[in-house]
Amino acid sequence: MSDSKLEIVVDDPDAPSDDSPSVVSKRGVEAITMLLLMALALVLGFDNWRTGISWSPDGPQAGYFPFYLAVILFLAAAYGLVVALRAGAGGSETFVTRDQLRRVSQVFAPTFAFCLLTQWLGLYVASFLLIAGFMRIIGKIAWWKSVLTGLVFSLIMFVTFQIAFDVIMPKGPLEALLGY
């Protein structure tokens, strides 16, 4: 059988430290989330009210059901906001520390940039930059391995989607230069 006292420990030198300062509390994130949901519900409710929320001779108008769903969403978010604001000492616990936010940002920022760059550089060039960048900066892998892996992966994607299956993918100036 297994011994419950045995434990596998993996050291991560870049792991967030336990004494990292808090960036935002759980209560703050919950309150902001509820306010955003309430704003979304107001926008949805107004748009569906404008479309029509009453009954016509042939049944409900287009905005009838979505309007009441928006009302339910608003009320649920308002309840969540009250609960979040009335939370006692438990609501002030840390949601994310500075070190944790730094690690999440290391992945989020390049991925967001990839989404933007895909519009101008195309999917294949943006994928090359994302893969090579992640491998080099976050993985600390040799630059030539990073570039080679990004290039091979992007070429395989290009051959698979563009040539073999003729799938329409976002293309940029490099593909136009190559005649695709």
C-alpha atoms as a PDB file:
ATOM      1  CA  MET A   1       0.000   0.000   0.000  1.00  0.00           C
ATOM      2  CA  SER A   2       0.996   3.602   0.136  1.00  0.00           C
ATOM      3  CA  ASP A   3       2.599   5.416   3.012  1.00  0.00           C
ATOM      4  CA  SER A   4       0.780   8.697   3.642  1.00  0.00           C
ATOM      5  CA  LYS A   5       3.923  10.186   5.180  1.00  0.00           C
ATOM      6  CA  LEU A   6       5.820   9.983   1.906  1.00  0.00           C
ATOM      7  CA  GLU A   7       5.651  13.097  -0.158  1.00  0.00           C
ATOM      8  CA  ILE A   8       7.121  14.183  -3.453  1.00  0.00           C
ATOM      9  CA  VAL A   9       8.677  17.607  -3.230  1.00  0.00           C
ATOM     10  CA  VAL A  10       9.657  19.493  -6.345  1.00  0.00           C
ATOM     11  CA  ASP A  11      11.646  22.652  -5.816  1.00  0.00           C
ATOM     12  CA  ASP A  12      10.836  25.495  -8.147  1.00  0.00           C
ATOM     13  CA  PRO A  13      13.457  28.228  -7.824  1.00  0.00           C
ATOM     14  CA  ASP A  14      11.061  30.740  -9.384  1.00  0.00           C
ATOM     15  CA  ALA A  15       8.124  29.819  -7.137  1.00  0.00           C
ATOM     16  CA  PRO A  16       6.412  32.764  -5.464  1.00  0.00           C
ATOM     17  CA  SER A  17       7.688  33.351  -1.969  1.00  0.00           C
ATOM     18  CA  ASP A  18       5.346  33.096   0.979  1.00  0.00           C
ATOM     19  CA  ASP A  19       6.172  36.627   2.148  1.00  0.00           C
ATOM     20  CA  SER A  20       5.285  38.369  -1.136  1.00  0.00           C
ATOM     21  CA  PRO A  21       3.036  41.404  -0.509  1.00  0.00           C
ATOM     22  CA  SER A  22      -0.636  41.232  -1.431  1.00  0.00           C
ATOM     23  CA  VAL A  23      -1.741  43.064  -4.573  1.00  0.00           C
ATOM     24  CA  VAL A  24      -5.477  42.739  -4.090  1.00  0.00           C
ATOM     25  CA  SER A  25      -7.787  41.078  -1.583  1.00  0.00           C
ATOM     26  CA  LYS A  26     -10.376  38.440  -2.287  1.00  0.00           C
ATOM     27  CA  ARG A  27     -13.101  40.904  -1.291  1.00  0.00           C
ATOM     28  CA  GLY A  28     -11.836  43.481  -3.774  1.00  0.00           C
ATOM     29  CA  VAL A  29     -11.805  41.027  -6.675  1.00  0.00           C
ATOM     30  CA  GLU A  30     -15.272  39.757  -5.818  1.00  0.00           C
ATOM     31  CA  ALA A  31     -16.648  43.305  -5.565  1.00  0.00           C
ATOM     32  CA  ILE A  32     -15.115  44.352  -8.888  1.00  0.00           C
ATOM     33  CA  THR A  33     -16.406  41.194 -10.571  1.00  0.00           C
ATOM     34  CA  MET A  34     -19.923  41.772  -9.257  1.00  0.00           C
ATOM     35  CA  LEU A  35     -19.866  45.418 -10.383  1.00  0.00           C
ATOM     36  CA  LEU A  36     -18.753  44.362 -13.875  1.00  0.00           C
ATOM     37  CA  LEU A  37     -21.526  41.755 -14.022  1.00  0.00           C
ATOM     38  CA  MET A  38     -24.045  44.384 -12.910  1.00  0.00           C
ATOM     39  CA  ALA A  39     -22.824  46.737 -15.646  1.00  0.00           C
ATOM     40  CA  LEU A  40     -23.094  43.947 -18.214  1.00  0.00           C
ATOM     41  CA  ALA A  41     -26.617  43.157 -17.009  1.00  0.00           C
ATOM     42  CA  LEU A  42     -27.603  46.822 -17.370  1.00  0.00           C
ATOM     43  CA  VAL A  43     -26.280  46.984 -20.923  1.00  0.00           C
ATOM     44  CA  LEU A  44     -27.999  43.723 -21.858  1.00  0.00           C
ATOM     45  CA  GLY A  45     -31.219  44.800 -20.164  1.00  0.00           C
ATOM     46  CA  PHE A  46     -31.280  48.165 -21.936  1.00  0.00           C
ATOM     47  CA  ASP A  47     -30.541  46.639 -25.327  1.00  0.00           C
ATOM     48  CA  ASN A  48     -33.255  44.017 -24.928  1.00  0.00           C
ATOM     49  CA  TRP A  49     -35.721  46.616 -23.616  1.00  0.00           C
ATOM     50  CA  ARG A  50     -35.000  48.622 -26.753  1.00  0.00           C
ATOM     51  CA  THR A  51     -35.627  45.512 -28.876  1.00  0.00           C
ATOM     52  CA  GLY A  52     -38.943  44.847 -27.177  1.00  0.00           C
ATOM     53  CA  ILE A  53     -39.810  43.049 -23.947  1.00  0.00           C
ATOM     54  CA  SER A  54     -43.557  42.698 -24.193  1.00  0.00           C
ATOM     55  CA  TRP A  55     -45.909  40.241 -25.846  1.00  0.00           C
ATOM     56  CA  SER A  56     -46.976  40.746 -29.408  1.00  0.00           C
ATOM     57  CA  PRO A  57     -49.965  39.031 -31.052  1.00  0.00           C
ATOM     58  CA  ASP A  58     -47.714  36.173 -32.192  1.00  0.00           C
ATOM     59  CA  GLY A  59     -45.844  35.672 -28.899  1.00  0.00           C
ATOM     60  CA  PRO A  60     -43.014  37.273 -26.971  1.00  0.00           C
ATOM     61  CA  GLN A  61     -40.916  39.943 -28.652  1.00  0.00           C
ATOM     62  CA  ALA A  62     -37.238  39.326 -29.339  1.00  0.00           C
ATOM     63  CA  GLY A  63     -36.005  40.927 -26.111  1.00  0.00           C
ATOM     64  CA  TYR A  64     -38.541  39.372 -23.714  1.00  0.00           C
ATOM     65  CA  PHE A  65     -36.562  36.405 -22.375  1.00  0.00           C
ATOM     66  CA  PRO A  66     -33.087  37.989 -22.605  1.00  0.00           C
ATOM     67  CA  PHE A  67     -34.351  41.045 -20.704  1.00  0.00           C
ATOM     68  CA  TYR A  68     -35.528  38.958 -17.771  1.00  0.00           C
ATOM     69  CA  LEU A  69     -32.305  36.958 -17.826  1.00  0.00           C
ATOM     70  CA  ALA A  70     -30.458  40.289 -17.565  1.00  0.00           C
ATOM     71  CA  VAL A  71     -32.660  41.243 -14.601  1.00  0.00           C
ATOM     72  CA  ILE A  72     -31.827  37.926 -12.909  1.00  0.00           C
ATOM     73  CA  LEU A  73     -28.120  38.458 -13.618  1.00  0.00           C
ATOM     74  CA  PHE A  74     -28.275  41.963 -12.128  1.00  0.00           C
ATOM     75  CA  LEU A  75     -30.035  40.758  -8.982  1.00  0.00           C
ATOM     76  CA  ALA A  76     -27.628  37.845  -8.520  1.00  0.00           C
ATOM     77  CA  ALA A  77     -24.621  40.152  -8.966  1.00  0.00           C
ATOM     78  CA  ALA A  78     -26.128  42.692  -6.542  1.00  0.00           C
ATOM     79  CA  TYR A  79     -26.547  39.900  -3.980  1.00  0.00           C
ATOM     80  CA  GLY A  80     -22.948  38.803  -4.600  1.00  0.00           C
ATOM     81  CA  LEU A  81     -21.761  42.392  -4.117  1.00  0.00           C
ATOM     82  CA  VAL A  82     -23.576  42.675  -0.793  1.00  0.00           C
ATOM     83  CA  VAL A  83     -22.107  39.351   0.362  1.00  0.00           C
ATOM     84  CA  ALA A  84     -18.614  40.413  -0.705  1.00  0.00           C
ATOM     85  CA  LEU A  85     -18.846  43.779   1.057  1.00  0.00           C
ATOM     86  CA  ARG A  86     -20.304  42.286   4.237  1.00  0.00           C
ATOM     87  CA  ALA A  87     -17.646  39.563   4.455  1.00  0.00           C
ATOM     88  CA  GLY A  88     -15.822  39.757   7.736  1.00  0.00           C
ATOM     89  CA  ALA A  89     -12.151  39.058   8.242  1.00  0.00           C
ATOM     90  CA  GLY A  90     -12.296  36.249   5.654  1.00  0.00           C
ATOM     91  CA  GLY A  91     -12.932  38.760   2.881  1.00  0.00           C
ATOM     92  CA  SER A  92      -9.618  40.507   3.409  1.00  0.00           C
ATOM     93  CA  GLU A  93      -7.552  37.409   2.636  1.00  0.00           C
ATOM     94  CA  THR A  94      -5.091  37.705  -0.210  1.00  0.00           C
ATOM     95  CA  PHE A  95      -6.369  36.948  -3.693  1.00  0.00           C
ATOM     96  CA  VAL A  96      -3.027  37.326  -5.443  1.00  0.00           C
ATOM     97  CA  THR A  97       0.447  38.304  -4.307  1.00  0.00           C
ATOM     98  CA  ARG A  98       2.942  40.381  -6.240  1.00  0.00           C
ATOM     99  CA  ASP A  99       5.062  37.341  -7.136  1.00  0.00           C
ATOM    100  CA  GLN A 100       2.029  35.345  -8.266  1.00  0.00           C
ATOM    101  CA  LEU A 101       0.832  38.236 -10.415  1.00  0.00           C
ATOM    102  CA  ARG A 102       4.292  38.528 -11.968  1.00  0.00           C
ATOM    103  CA  ARG A 103       4.214  34.850 -12.975  1.00  0.00           C
ATOM    104  CA  VAL A 104       0.726  35.120 -14.441  1.00  0.00           C
ATOM    105  CA  SER A 105       1.736  38.273 -16.326  1.00  0.00           C
ATOM    106  CA  GLN A 106       4.720  36.451 -17.816  1.00  0.00           C
ATOM    107  CA  VAL A 107       2.240  34.231 -19.636  1.00  0.00           C
ATOM    108  CA  PHE A 108      -0.668  36.638 -20.127  1.00  0.00           C
ATOM    109  CA  ALA A 109       1.234  39.568 -21.657  1.00  0.00           C
ATOM    110  CA  PRO A 110       2.948  37.580 -24.451  1.00  0.00           C
ATOM    111  CA  THR A 111      -0.260  35.678 -25.196  1.00  0.00           C
ATOM    112  CA  PHE A 112      -2.183  38.944 -25.471  1.00  0.00           C
ATOM    113  CA  ALA A 113       0.554  40.355 -27.703  1.00  0.00           C
ATOM    114  CA  PHE A 114       0.308  37.188 -29.833  1.00  0.00           C
ATOM    115  CA  CYS A 115      -3.415  37.827 -30.352  1.00  0.00           C
ATOM    116  CA  LEU A 116      -2.731  41.402 -31.445  1.00  0.00           C
ATOM    117  CA  LEU A 117       0.263  40.558 -33.626  1.00  0.00           C
ATOM    118  CA  THR A 118      -1.695  37.843 -35.427  1.00  0.00           C
ATOM    119  CA  GLN A 119      -3.791  40.596 -37.002  1.00  0.00           C
ATOM    120  CA  TRP A 120      -0.767  42.285 -38.624  1.00  0.00           C
ATOM    121  CA  LEU A 121       1.894  39.602 -38.952  1.00  0.00           C
ATOM    122  CA  GLY A 122      -0.334  36.590 -39.552  1.00  0.00           C
ATOM    123  CA  LEU A 123      -0.743  33.430 -37.518  1.00  0.00           C
ATOM    124  CA  TYR A 124       2.492  31.746 -38.542  1.00  0.00           C
ATOM    125  CA  VAL A 125       4.902  34.607 -37.827  1.00  0.00           C
ATOM    126  CA  ALA A 126       3.128  35.476 -34.574  1.00  0.00           C
ATOM    127  CA  SER A 127       3.281  31.792 -33.536  1.00  0.00           C
ATOM    128  CA  PHE A 128       6.992  31.711 -34.286  1.00  0.00           C
ATOM    129  CA  LEU A 129       7.572  34.785 -32.114  1.00  0.00           C
ATOM    130  CA  LEU A 130       5.427  33.420 -29.274  1.00  0.00           C
ATOM    131  CA  ILE A 131       7.047  29.990 -29.183  1.00  0.00           C
ATOM    132  CA  ALA A 132      10.617  31.226 -29.573  1.00  0.00           C
ATOM    133  CA  GLY A 133      10.010  33.994 -27.026  1.00  0.00           C
ATOM    134  CA  PHE A 134       8.480  31.683 -24.437  1.00  0.00           C
ATOM    135  CA  MET A 135      11.231  29.130 -24.823  1.00  0.00           C
ATOM    136  CA  ARG A 136      14.013  31.711 -24.572  1.00  0.00           C
ATOM    137  CA  ILE A 137      12.668  34.085 -21.932  1.00  0.00           C
ATOM    138  CA  ILE A 138      10.597  31.861 -19.659  1.00  0.00           C
ATOM    139  CA  GLY A 139      12.176  28.480 -20.357  1.00  0.00           C
ATOM    140  CA  LYS A 140      15.708  29.902 -20.515  1.00  0.00           C
ATOM    141  CA  ILE A 141      16.460  27.555 -23.415  1.00  0.00           C
ATOM    142  CA  ALA A 142      19.336  28.337 -25.767  1.00  0.00           C
ATOM    143  CA  TRP A 143      18.390  30.919 -28.401  1.00  0.00           C
ATOM    144  CA  TRP A 144      19.207  28.636 -31.339  1.00  0.00           C
ATOM    145  CA  LYS A 145      16.970  25.850 -29.962  1.00  0.00           C
ATOM    146  CA  SER A 146      14.187  28.364 -29.358  1.00  0.00           C
ATOM    147  CA  VAL A 147      14.417  29.811 -32.862  1.00  0.00           C
ATOM    148  CA  LEU A 148      14.692  26.377 -34.470  1.00  0.00           C
ATOM    149  CA  THR A 149      11.697  24.987 -32.546  1.00  0.00           C
ATOM    150  CA  GLY A 150       9.568  28.050 -33.319  1.00  0.00           C
ATOM    151  CA  LEU A 151      10.526  27.880 -36.987  1.00  0.00           C
ATOM    152  CA  VAL A 152       9.880  24.139 -37.343  1.00  0.00           C
ATOM    153  CA  PHE A 153       6.539  24.392 -35.540  1.00  0.00           C
ATOM    154  CA  SER A 154       5.410  27.348 -37.651  1.00  0.00           C
ATOM    155  CA  LEU A 155       6.471  25.620 -40.872  1.00  0.00           C
ATOM    156  CA  ILE A 156       4.601  22.449 -39.891  1.00  0.00           C
ATOM    157  CA  MET A 157       1.513  24.541 -39.127  1.00  0.00           C
ATOM    158  CA  PHE A 158       1.845  26.347 -42.473  1.00  0.00           C
ATOM    159  CA  VAL A 159       2.230  23.136 -44.456  1.00  0.00           C
ATOM    160  CA  THR A 160      -0.613  21.441 -42.590  1.00  0.00           C
ATOM    161  CA  PHE A 161      -3.168  24.229 -42.702  1.00  0.00           C
ATOM    162  CA  GLN A 162      -2.254  26.205 -45.801  1.00  0.00           C
ATOM    163  CA  ILE A 163      -0.971  23.571 -48.193  1.00  0.00           C
ATOM    164  CA  ALA A 164      -2.433  20.211 -47.105  1.00  0.00           C
ATOM    165  CA  PHE A 165      -5.917  21.265 -45.973  1.00  0.00           C
ATOM    166  CA  ASP A 166      -6.218  24.730 -47.584  1.00  0.00           C
ATOM    167  CA  VAL A 167      -7.680  26.238 -44.400  1.00  0.00           C
ATOM    168  CA  ILE A 168      -8.050  30.004 -44.356  1.00  0.00           C
ATOM    169  CA  MET A 169      -5.831  31.373 -41.582  1.00  0.00           C
ATOM    170  CA  PRO A 170      -4.793  34.950 -40.810  1.00  0.00           C
ATOM    171  CA  LYS A 171      -1.838  35.796 -43.023  1.00  0.00           C
ATOM    172  CA  GLY A 172       0.588  38.656 -42.919  1.00  0.00           C
ATOM    173  CA  PRO A 173       3.169  40.298 -45.156  1.00  0.00           C
ATOM    174  CA  LEU A 174       5.501  37.279 -45.174  1.00  0.00           C
ATOM    175  CA  GLU A 175       2.848  34.984 -46.615  1.00  0.00           C
ATOM    176  CA  ALA A 176       1.922  37.662 -49.178  1.00  0.00           C
ATOM    177  CA  LEU A 177       5.588  37.872 -50.170  1.00  0.00           C
ATOM    178  CA  LEU A 178       5.579  34.097 -50.685  1.00  0.00           C
ATOM    179  CA  GLY A 179       2.412  34.293 -52.811  1.00  0.00           C
ATOM    180  CA  TYR A 180      -0.143  32.924 -50.329  1.00  0.00           C
END
